[in-house]
C-alpha cells in the first residue's frame, strides 16, 4: 500500500518536473520572441524617423519648385503684358 502511494507520488513529482521543464522552454522561447520584437520595433522606429526626414525634404523641394514656377508665371505675365502693349500701340499708331 505504501509502495503504491510512494510510486504515485514519484510519478506526480516527475509529471510536475516535466511540466516545469516545458514551462522553462516556453519562457525561453517567449524571451527570444520578445527580444526579436524589440529589435523589430527599433528598426520600425528608425524607418519612421528616416521617412519623416524624407517627407520633410520632399516638402522643401516642392516648395522651392513652387516658388520657381510662381516666379516663372510672373515673368510670363510680364512678357504677355509687354506684347499686348506693343500690339495695342501697333494697332493704334499704324492702323
PDB file of N, CA and C in Angstrom:
ATOM      1  N   UNK A   1       0.808  -1.183   0.000  1.00  0.00           N
ATOM      2  CA  UNK A   1       0.000   0.000   0.000  1.00  0.00           C
ATOM      3  C   UNK A   1       0.863   1.264   0.000  1.00  0.00           C
ATOM      4  N   UNK A   2       1.848   1.268   0.887  1.00  0.00           N
ATOM      5  CA  UNK A   2       2.732   2.431   0.946  1.00  0.00           C
ATOM      6  C   UNK A   2       3.593   2.523  -0.308  1.00  0.00           C
ATOM      7  N   UNK A   3       3.916   1.375  -0.910  1.00  0.00           N
ATOM      8  CA  UNK A   3       4.699   1.396  -2.151  1.00  0.00           C
ATOM      9  C   UNK A   3       3.904   2.047  -3.280  1.00  0.00           C
ATOM     10  N   UNK A   4       2.627   1.738  -3.386  1.00  0.00           N
ATOM     11  CA  UNK A   4       1.827   2.338  -4.441  1.00  0.00           C
ATOM     12  C   UNK A   4       1.662   3.831  -4.212  1.00  0.00           C
ATOM     13  N   UNK A   5       1.540   4.207  -2.931  1.00  0.00           N
ATOM     14  CA  UNK A   5       1.437   5.629  -2.625  1.00  0.00           C
ATOM     15  C   UNK A   5       2.722   6.345  -3.007  1.00  0.00           C
ATOM     16  N   UNK A   6       3.854   5.752  -2.653  1.00  0.00           N
ATOM     17  CA  UNK A   6       5.153   6.344  -2.978  1.00  0.00           C
ATOM     18  C   UNK A   6       5.367   6.398  -4.491  1.00  0.00           C
ATOM     19  N   UNK A   7       4.961   5.342  -5.175  1.00  0.00           N
ATOM     20  CA  UNK A   7       5.090   5.330  -6.645  1.00  0.00           C
ATOM     21  C   UNK A   7       4.207   6.409  -7.282  1.00  0.00           C
ATOM     22  N   UNK A   8       2.992   6.556  -6.775  1.00  0.00           N
ATOM     23  CA  UNK A   8       2.110   7.582  -7.345  1.00  0.00           C
ATOM     24  C   UNK A   8       2.662   8.971  -7.046  1.00  0.00           C
ATOM     25  N   UNK A   9       3.222   9.178  -5.845  1.00  0.00           N
ATOM     26  CA  UNK A   9       3.833  10.465  -5.517  1.00  0.00           C
ATOM     27  C   UNK A   9       5.054  10.722  -6.397  1.00  0.00           C
ATOM     28  N   UNK A  10       5.855   9.679  -6.660  1.00  0.00           N
ATOM     29  CA  UNK A  10       7.032   9.824  -7.520  1.00  0.00           C
ATOM     30  C   UNK A  10       6.597  10.154  -8.942  1.00  0.00           C
ATOM     31  N   UNK A  11       5.537   9.494  -9.413  1.00  0.00           N
ATOM     32  CA  UNK A  11       5.016   9.808 -10.747  1.00  0.00           C
ATOM     33  C   UNK A  11       4.498  11.247 -10.807  1.00  0.00           C
ATOM     34  N   UNK A  12       3.814  11.677  -9.775  1.00  0.00           N
ATOM     35  CA  UNK A  12       3.296  13.041  -9.738  1.00  0.00           C
ATOM     36  C   UNK A  12       4.450  14.046  -9.743  1.00  0.00           C
ATOM     37  N   UNK A  13       5.495  13.740  -8.988  1.00  0.00           N
ATOM     38  CA  UNK A  13       6.660  14.632  -8.968  1.00  0.00           C
ATOM     39  C   UNK A  13       7.344  14.669 -10.328  1.00  0.00           C
ATOM     40  N   UNK A  14       7.473  13.525 -10.995  1.00  0.00           N
ATOM     41  CA  UNK A  14       8.060  13.507 -12.348  1.00  0.00           C
ATOM     42  C   UNK A  14       7.196  14.303 -13.321  1.00  0.00           C
ATOM     43  N   UNK A  15       5.887  14.190 -13.158  1.00  0.00           N
ATOM     44  CA  UNK A  15       4.958  14.942 -14.001  1.00  0.00           C
ATOM     45  C   UNK A  15       5.124  16.451 -13.758  1.00  0.00           C
ATOM     46  N   UNK A  16       5.214  16.834 -12.496  1.00  0.00           N
ATOM     47  CA  UNK A  16       5.415  18.248 -12.165  1.00  0.00           C
ATOM     48  C   UNK A  16       6.753  18.722 -12.711  1.00  0.00           C
ATOM     49  N   UNK A  17       7.788  17.895 -12.585  1.00  0.00           N
ATOM     50  CA  UNK A  17       9.121  18.256 -13.081  1.00  0.00           C
ATOM     51  C   UNK A  17       9.100  18.452 -14.597  1.00  0.00           C
ATOM     52  N   UNK A  18       8.453  17.537 -15.318  1.00  0.00           N
ATOM     53  CA  UNK A  18       8.401  17.676 -16.781  1.00  0.00           C
ATOM     54  C   UNK A  18       7.589  18.908 -17.180  1.00  0.00           C
ATOM     55  N   UNK A  19       6.530  19.205 -16.433  1.00  0.00           N
ATOM     56  CA  UNK A  19       5.734  20.408 -16.713  1.00  0.00           C
ATOM     57  C   UNK A  19       6.574  21.662 -16.492  1.00  0.00           C
ATOM     58  N   UNK A  20       7.362  21.672 -15.426  1.00  0.00           N
ATOM     59  CA  UNK A  20       8.227  22.819 -15.143  1.00  0.00           C
ATOM     60  C   UNK A  20       9.294  22.968 -16.227  1.00  0.00           C
ATOM     61  N   UNK A  21       9.844  21.863 -16.697  1.00  0.00           N
ATOM     62  CA  UNK A  21      10.830  21.914 -17.778  1.00  0.00           C
ATOM     63  C   UNK A  21      10.178  22.460 -19.050  1.00  0.00           C
ATOM     64  N   UNK A  22       8.970  22.015 -19.359  1.00  0.00           N
ATOM     65  CA  UNK A  22       8.251  22.532 -20.520  1.00  0.00           C
ATOM     66  C   UNK A  22       7.985  24.032 -20.386  1.00  0.00           C
ATOM     67  N   UNK A  23       7.563  24.447 -19.199  1.00  0.00           N
ATOM     68  CA  UNK A  23       7.330  25.869 -18.962  1.00  0.00           C
ATOM     69  C   UNK A  23       8.623  26.676 -19.127  1.00  0.00           C
ATOM     70  N   UNK A  24       9.737  26.115 -18.670  1.00  0.00           N
ATOM     71  CA  UNK A  24      11.025  26.781 -18.849  1.00  0.00           C
ATOM     72  C   UNK A  24      11.336  26.978 -20.327  1.00  0.00           C
ATOM     73  N   UNK A  25      11.074  25.937 -21.116  1.00  0.00           N
ATOM     74  CA  UNK A  25      11.288  26.046 -22.561  1.00  0.00           C
ATOM     75  C   UNK A  25      10.375  27.086 -23.190  1.00  0.00           C
ATOM     76  N   UNK A  26       9.123  27.107 -22.754  1.00  0.00           N
ATOM     77  CA  UNK A  26       8.175  28.089 -23.290  1.00  0.00           C
ATOM     78  C   UNK A  26       8.637  29.503 -22.945  1.00  0.00           C
ATOM     79  N   UNK A  27       9.085  29.710 -21.698  1.00  0.00           N
ATOM     80  CA  UNK A  27       9.546  31.041 -21.307  1.00  0.00           C
ATOM     81  C   UNK A  27      10.818  31.446 -22.052  1.00  0.00           C
ATOM     82  N   UNK A  28      11.681  30.485 -22.359  1.00  0.00           N
ATOM     83  CA  UNK A  28      12.872  30.794 -23.166  1.00  0.00           C
ATOM     84  C   UNK A  28      12.461  31.233 -24.576  1.00  0.00           C
ATOM     85  N   UNK A  29      11.516  30.512 -25.172  1.00  0.00           N
ATOM     86  CA  UNK A  29      11.014  30.898 -26.486  1.00  0.00           C
ATOM     87  C   UNK A  29      10.358  32.271 -26.439  1.00  0.00           C
ATOM     88  N   UNK A  30       9.596  32.527 -25.393  1.00  0.00           N
ATOM     89  CA  UNK A  30       8.936  33.825 -25.235  1.00  0.00           C
ATOM     90  C   UNK A  30       9.974  34.939 -25.097  1.00  0.00           C
ATOM     91  N   UNK A  31      11.020  34.701 -24.328  1.00  0.00           N
ATOM     92  CA  UNK A  31      12.071  35.714 -24.167  1.00  0.00           C
ATOM     93  C   UNK A  31      12.749  35.984 -25.507  1.00  0.00           C
ATOM     94  N   UNK A  32      12.981  34.939 -26.280  1.00  0.00           N
ATOM     95  CA  UNK A  32      13.597  35.107 -27.599  1.00  0.00           C
ATOM     96  C   UNK A  32      12.673  35.916 -28.520  1.00  0.00           C
ATOM     97  N   UNK A  33      11.379  35.603 -28.496  1.00  0.00           N
ATOM     98  CA  UNK A  33      10.433  36.337 -29.340  1.00  0.00           C
ATOM     99  C   UNK A  33      10.344  37.797 -28.915  1.00  0.00           C
ATOM    100  N   UNK A  34      10.355  38.070 -27.617  1.00  0.00           N
ATOM    101  CA  UNK A  34      10.291  39.445 -27.130  1.00  0.00           C
ATOM    102  C   UNK A  34      11.530  40.211 -27.578  1.00  0.00           C
ATOM    103  N   UNK A  35      12.699  39.560 -27.525  1.00  0.00           N
ATOM    104  CA  UNK A  35      13.931  40.203 -27.979  1.00  0.00           C
ATOM    105  C   UNK A  35      13.855  40.528 -29.467  1.00  0.00           C
ATOM    106  N   UNK A  36      13.366  39.595 -30.286  1.00  0.00           N
ATOM    107  CA  UNK A  36      13.210  39.846 -31.722  1.00  0.00           C
ATOM    108  C   UNK A  36      12.226  40.991 -31.977  1.00  0.00           C
ATOM    109  N   UNK A  37      11.124  41.001 -31.237  1.00  0.00           N
ATOM    110  CA  UNK A  37      10.133  42.066 -31.399  1.00  0.00           C
ATOM    111  C   UNK A  37      10.731  43.415 -31.021  1.00  0.00           C
ATOM    112  N   UNK A  38      11.564  43.430 -29.976  1.00  0.00           N
ATOM    113  CA  UNK A  38      12.220  44.677 -29.582  1.00  0.00           C
ATOM    114  C   UNK A  38      13.127  45.196 -30.680  1.00  0.00           C
ATOM    115  N   UNK A  39      13.902  44.297 -31.285  1.00  0.00           N
ATOM    116  CA  UNK A  39      14.781  44.700 -32.386  1.00  0.00           C
ATOM    117  C   UNK A  39      13.951  45.211 -33.561  1.00  0.00           C
ATOM    118  N   UNK A  40      12.839  44.538 -33.844  1.00  0.00           N
ATOM    119  CA  UNK A  40      11.980  44.954 -34.948  1.00  0.00           C
ATOM    120  C   UNK A  40      11.361  46.325 -34.654  1.00  0.00           C
ATOM    121  N   UNK A  41      10.966  46.560 -33.411  1.00  0.00           N
ATOM    122  CA  UNK A  41      10.381  47.855 -33.042  1.00  0.00           C
ATOM    123  C   UNK A  41      11.411  48.968 -33.213  1.00  0.00           C
ATOM    124  N   UNK A  42      12.663  48.685 -32.878  1.00  0.00           N
ATOM    125  CA  UNK A  42      13.719  49.689 -33.056  1.00  0.00           C
ATOM    126  C   UNK A  42      13.909  49.984 -34.536  1.00  0.00           C
ATOM    127  N   UNK A  43      13.916  48.943 -35.370  1.00  0.00           N
ATOM    128  CA  UNK A  43      14.059  49.154 -36.810  1.00  0.00           C
ATOM    129  C   UNK A  43      12.877  49.954 -37.367  1.00  0.00           C
ATOM    130  N   UNK A  44      11.672  49.644 -36.912  1.00  0.00           N
ATOM    131  CA  UNK A  44      10.497  50.382 -37.375  1.00  0.00           C
ATOM    132  C   UNK A  44      10.614  51.842 -36.969  1.00  0.00           C
ATOM    133  N   UNK A  45      11.047  52.088 -35.740  1.00  0.00           N
ATOM    134  CA  UNK A  45      11.209  53.470 -35.276  1.00  0.00           C
ATOM    135  C   UNK A  45      12.245  54.209 -36.112  1.00  0.00           C
ATOM    136  N   UNK A  46      13.356  53.547 -36.429  1.00  0.00           N
ATOM    137  CA  UNK A  46      14.377  54.172 -37.270  1.00  0.00           C
ATOM    138  C   UNK A  46      13.825  54.457 -38.670  1.00  0.00           C
ATOM    139  N   UNK A  47      13.062  53.515 -39.220  1.00  0.00           N
ATOM    140  CA  UNK A  47      12.472  53.719 -40.546  1.00  0.00           C
ATOM    141  C   UNK A  47      11.464  54.866 -40.535  1.00  0.00           C
ATOM    142  N   UNK A  48      10.704  54.992 -39.463  1.00  0.00           N
ATOM    143  CA  UNK A  48       9.740  56.091 -39.362  1.00  0.00           C
ATOM    144  C   UNK A  48      10.478  57.423 -39.312  1.00  0.00           C
ATOM    145  N   UNK A  49      11.567  57.474 -38.515  1.00  0.00           N
ATOM    146  CA  UNK A  49      12.352  58.715 -38.451  1.00  0.00           C
ATOM    147  C   UNK A  49      12.925  59.078 -39.815  1.00  0.00           C
ATOM    148  N   UNK A  50      13.449  58.083 -40.515  1.00  0.00           N
ATOM    149  CA  UNK A  50      14.003  58.324 -41.852  1.00  0.00           C
ATOM    150  C   UNK A  50      12.907  58.787 -42.819  1.00  0.00           C
ATOM    151  N   UNK A  51      11.734  58.182 -42.716  1.00  0.00           N
ATOM    152  CA  UNK A  51      10.625  58.565 -43.579  1.00  0.00           C
ATOM    153  C   UNK A  51      10.196  60.007 -43.312  1.00  0.00           C
ATOM    154  N   UNK A  52      10.158  60.394 -42.043  1.00  0.00           N
ATOM    155  CA  UNK A  52       9.792  61.774 -41.699  1.00  0.00           C
ATOM    156  C   UNK A  52      10.806  62.740 -42.306  1.00  0.00           C
ATOM    157  N   UNK A  53      12.078  62.405 -42.204  1.00  0.00           N
ATOM    158  CA  UNK A  53      13.111  63.264 -42.790  1.00  0.00           C
ATOM    159  C   UNK A  53      12.940  63.351 -44.301  1.00  0.00           C
ATOM    160  N   UNK A  54      12.659  62.231 -44.949  1.00  0.00           N
ATOM    161  CA  UNK A  54      12.462  62.232 -46.401  1.00  0.00           C
ATOM    162  C   UNK A  54      11.253  63.070 -46.795  1.00  0.00           C
ATOM    163  N   UNK A  55      10.167  62.959 -46.039  1.00  0.00           N
ATOM    164  CA  UNK A  55       8.963  63.735 -46.345  1.00  0.00           C
ATOM    165  C   UNK A  55       9.241  65.222 -46.166  1.00  0.00           C
ATOM    166  N   UNK A  56       9.949  65.581 -45.100  1.00  0.00           N
ATOM    167  CA  UNK A  56      10.273  66.997 -44.890  1.00  0.00           C
ATOM    168  C   UNK A  56      11.168  67.517 -46.010  1.00  0.00           C
ATOM    169  N   UNK A  57      12.147  66.710 -46.438  1.00  0.00           N
ATOM    170  CA  UNK A  57      12.997  67.112 -47.555  1.00  0.00           C
ATOM    171  C   UNK A  57      12.208  67.267 -48.843  1.00  0.00           C
ATOM    172  N   UNK A  58      11.290  66.340 -49.082  1.00  0.00           N
ATOM    173  CA  UNK A  58      10.454  66.416 -50.292  1.00  0.00           C
ATOM    174  C   UNK A  58       9.568  67.652 -50.252  1.00  0.00           C
ATOM    175  N   UNK A  59       9.044  67.973 -49.082  1.00  0.00           N
ATOM    176  CA  UNK A  59       8.200  69.158 -48.968  1.00  0.00           C
ATOM    177  C   UNK A  59       9.016  70.419 -49.260  1.00  0.00           C
ATOM    178  N   UNK A  60      10.255  70.457 -48.760  1.00  0.00           N
ATOM    179  CA  UNK A  60      11.111  71.617 -49.033  1.00  0.00           C
ATOM    180  C   UNK A  60      11.398  71.728 -50.534  1.00  0.00           C
ATOM    181  N   UNK A  61      11.658  70.601 -51.181  1.00  0.00           N
ATOM    182  CA  UNK A  61      11.913  70.608 -52.627  1.00  0.00           C
ATOM    183  C   UNK A  61      10.678  71.083 -53.390  1.00  0.00           C
ATOM    184  N   UNK A  62       9.507  70.613 -52.985  1.00  0.00           N
ATOM    185  CA  UNK A  62       8.277  71.034 -53.647  1.00  0.00           C
ATOM    186  C   UNK A  62       8.025  72.530 -53.459  1.00  0.00           C
ATOM    187  N   UNK A  63       8.334  73.054 -52.280  1.00  0.00           N
ATOM    188  CA  UNK A  63       8.150  74.486 -52.056  1.00  0.00           C
ATOM    189  C   UNK A  63       9.104  75.293 -52.933  1.00  0.00           C
ATOM    190  N   UNK A  64      10.354  74.822 -53.084  1.00  0.00           N
ATOM    191  CA  UNK A  64      11.294  75.512 -53.970  1.00  0.00           C
ATOM    192  C   UNK A  64      10.792  75.472 -55.407  1.00  0.00           C
ATOM    193  N   UNK A  65      10.286  74.319 -55.830  1.00  0.00           N
ATOM    194  CA  UNK A  65       9.758  74.179 -57.182  1.00  0.00           C
ATOM    195  C   UNK A  65       8.551  75.094 -57.384  1.00  0.00           C
ATOM    196  N   UNK A  66       7.687  75.173 -56.388  1.00  0.00           N
ATOM    197  CA  UNK A  66       6.510  76.044 -56.468  1.00  0.00           C
ATOM    198  C   UNK A  66       6.927  77.507 -56.607  1.00  0.00           C
ATOM    199  N   UNK A  67       7.937  77.907 -55.833  1.00  0.00           N
ATOM    200  CA  UNK A  67       8.418  79.291 -55.938  1.00  0.00           C
ATOM    201  C   UNK A  67       9.000  79.557 -57.324  1.00  0.00           C
ATOM    202  N   UNK A  68       9.716  78.583 -57.882  1.00  0.00           N
ATOM    203  CA  UNK A  68      10.272  78.734 -59.221  1.00  0.00           C
ATOM    204  C   UNK A  68       9.152  78.878 -60.252  1.00  0.00           C
ATOM    205  N   UNK A  69       8.157  78.024 -60.127  1.00  0.00           N
ATOM    206  CA  UNK A  69       7.025  78.089 -61.063  1.00  0.00           C
ATOM    207  C   UNK A  69       6.297  79.421 -60.908  1.00  0.00           C
ATOM    208  N   UNK A  70       6.086  79.855 -59.678  1.00  0.00           N
ATOM    209  CA  UNK A  70       5.383  81.119 -59.446  1.00  0.00           C
ATOM    210  C   UNK A  70       6.151  82.283 -60.040  1.00  0.00           C
ATOM    211  N   UNK A  71       7.461  82.284 -59.870  1.00  0.00           N
ATOM    212  CA  UNK A  71       8.241  83.387 -60.445  1.00  0.00           C
ATOM    213  C   UNK A  71       8.224  83.308 -61.972  1.00  0.00           C
ATOM    214  N   UNK A  72       8.213  82.136 -62.531  1.00  0.00           N
ATOM    215  CA  UNK A  72       8.127  81.988 -63.983  1.00  0.00           C
ATOM    216  C   UNK A  72       6.771  82.463 -64.498  1.00  0.00           C
ATOM    217  N   UNK A  73       5.725  82.233 -63.747  1.00  0.00           N
ATOM    218  CA  UNK A  73       4.403  82.718 -64.152  1.00  0.00           C
ATOM    219  C   UNK A  73       4.400  84.235 -64.182  1.00  0.00           C
ATOM    220  N   UNK A  74       4.990  84.825 -63.168  1.00  0.00           N
ATOM    221  CA  UNK A  74       5.050  86.279 -63.118  1.00  0.00           C
ATOM    222  C   UNK A  74       5.818  86.822 -64.311  1.00  0.00           C
ATOM    223  N   UNK A  75       6.910  86.152 -64.660  1.00  0.00           N
ATOM    224  CA  UNK A  75       7.696  86.555 -65.822  1.00  0.00           C
ATOM    225  C   UNK A  75       6.856  86.399 -67.100  1.00  0.00           C
ATOM    226  N   UNK A  76       6.139  85.319 -67.224  1.00  0.00           N
ATOM    227  CA  UNK A  76       5.298  85.099 -68.402  1.00  0.00           C
ATOM    228  C   UNK A  76       4.207  86.159 -68.490  1.00  0.00           C
ATOM    229  N   UNK A  77       3.650  86.536 -67.357  1.00  0.00           N
ATOM    230  CA  UNK A  77       2.630  87.586 -67.372  1.00  0.00           C
ATOM    231  C   UNK A  77       3.236  88.919 -67.809  1.00  0.00           C
ATOM    232  N   UNK A  78       4.439  89.216 -67.377  1.00  0.00           N
ATOM    233  CA  UNK A  78       5.110  90.452 -67.786  1.00  0.00           C
ATOM    234  C   UNK A  78       5.359  90.461 -69.295  1.00  0.00           C
ATOM    235  N   UNK A  79       5.865  89.358 -69.825  1.00  0.00           N
ATOM    236  CA  UNK A  79       6.129  89.259 -71.261  1.00  0.00           C
ATOM    237  C   UNK A  79       4.833  89.406 -72.044  1.00  0.00           C
ATOM    238  N   UNK A  80       3.775  88.729 -71.603  1.00  0.00           N
ATOM    239  CA  UNK A  80       2.482  88.832 -72.271  1.00  0.00           C
ATOM    240  C   UNK A  80       1.968  90.273 -72.231  1.00  0.00           C
ATOM    241  N   UNK A  81       2.146  90.929 -71.104  1.00  0.00           N
ATOM    242  CA  UNK A  81       1.698  92.330 -70.988  1.00  0.00           C
ATOM    243  C   UNK A  81       2.458  93.242 -71.949  1.00  0.00           C
ATOM    244  N   UNK A  82       3.777  93.047 -72.047  1.00  0.00           N
ATOM    245  CA  UNK A  82       4.576  93.862 -72.966  1.00  0.00           C
ATOM    246  C   UNK A  82       4.154  93.607 -74.403  1.00  0.00           C
ATOM    247  N   UNK A  83       3.933  92.334 -74.765  1.00  0.00           N
ATOM    248  CA  UNK A  83       3.484  92.021 -76.115  1.00  0.00           C
ATOM    249  C   UNK A  83       2.113  92.622 -76.400  1.00  0.00           C
ATOM    250  N   UNK A  84       1.234  92.565 -75.428  1.00  0.00           N
ATOM    251  CA  UNK A  84      -0.091  93.150 -75.592  1.00  0.00           C
ATOM    252  C   UNK A  84       0.005  94.668 -75.763  1.00  0.00           C
ATOM    253  N   UNK A  85       0.878  95.292 -74.998  1.00  0.00           N
ATOM    254  CA  UNK A  85       1.086  96.729 -75.119  1.00  0.00           C
ATOM    255  C   UNK A  85       1.593  97.087 -76.523  1.00  0.00           C
ATOM    256  N   UNK A  86       2.590  96.325 -77.021  1.00  0.00           N
ATOM    257  CA  UNK A  86       3.086  96.570 -78.375  1.00  0.00           C
ATOM    258  C   UNK A  86       1.997  96.364 -79.425  1.00  0.00           C
ATOM    259  N   UNK A  87       1.175  95.345 -79.233  1.00  0.00           N
ATOM    260  CA  UNK A  87       0.088  95.091 -80.189  1.00  0.00           C
ATOM    261  C   UNK A  87      -0.901  96.247 -80.180  1.00  0.00           C
ATOM    262  N   UNK A  88      -1.253  96.737 -79.010  1.00  0.00           N
ATOM    263  CA  UNK A  88      -2.179  97.868 -78.922  1.00  0.00           C
ATOM    264  C   UNK A  88      -1.560  99.101 -79.552  1.00  0.00           C
ATOM    265  N   UNK A  89      -0.307  99.390 -79.238  1.00  0.00           N
ATOM    266  CA  UNK A  89       0.376 100.549 -79.824  1.00  0.00           C
ATOM    267  C   UNK A  89       0.479 100.416 -81.344  1.00  0.00           C
ATOM    268  N   UNK A  90       0.757  99.227 -81.829  1.00  0.00           N
ATOM    269  CA  UNK A  90       0.852  98.989 -83.264  1.00  0.00           C
ATOM    270  C   UNK A  90      -0.493  99.270 -83.942  1.00  0.00           C
ATOM    271  N   UNK A  91      -1.562  98.753 -83.326  1.00  0.00           N
ATOM    272  CA  UNK A  91      -2.898  98.939 -83.900  1.00  0.00           C
ATOM    273  C   UNK A  91      -3.284 100.419 -83.867  1.00  0.00           C
ATOM    274  N   UNK A  92      -2.987 101.080 -82.774  1.00  0.00           N
ATOM    275  CA  UNK A  92      -3.387 102.497 -82.631  1.00  0.00           C
ATOM    276  C   UNK A  92      -2.589 103.380 -83.572  1.00  0.00           C
ATOM    277  N   UNK A  93      -1.291 103.224 -83.669  1.00  0.00           N
ATOM    278  CA  UNK A  93      -0.474 104.133 -84.450  1.00  0.00           C
ATOM    279  C   UNK A  93      -0.312 103.743 -85.917  1.00  0.00           C
ATOM    280  N   UNK A  94      -0.342 102.480 -86.244  1.00  0.00           N
ATOM    281  CA  UNK A  94      -0.129 102.043 -87.615  1.00  0.00           C
ATOM    282  C   UNK A  94      -1.464 101.938 -88.340  1.00  0.00           C
ATOM    283  N   UNK A  95      -2.451 101.499 -87.695  1.00  0.00           N
ATOM    284  CA  UNK A  95      -3.715 101.277 -88.368  1.00  0.00           C
ATOM    285  C   UNK A  95      -4.534 102.472 -88.512  1.00  0.00           C
TER     286      UNK A  95
END
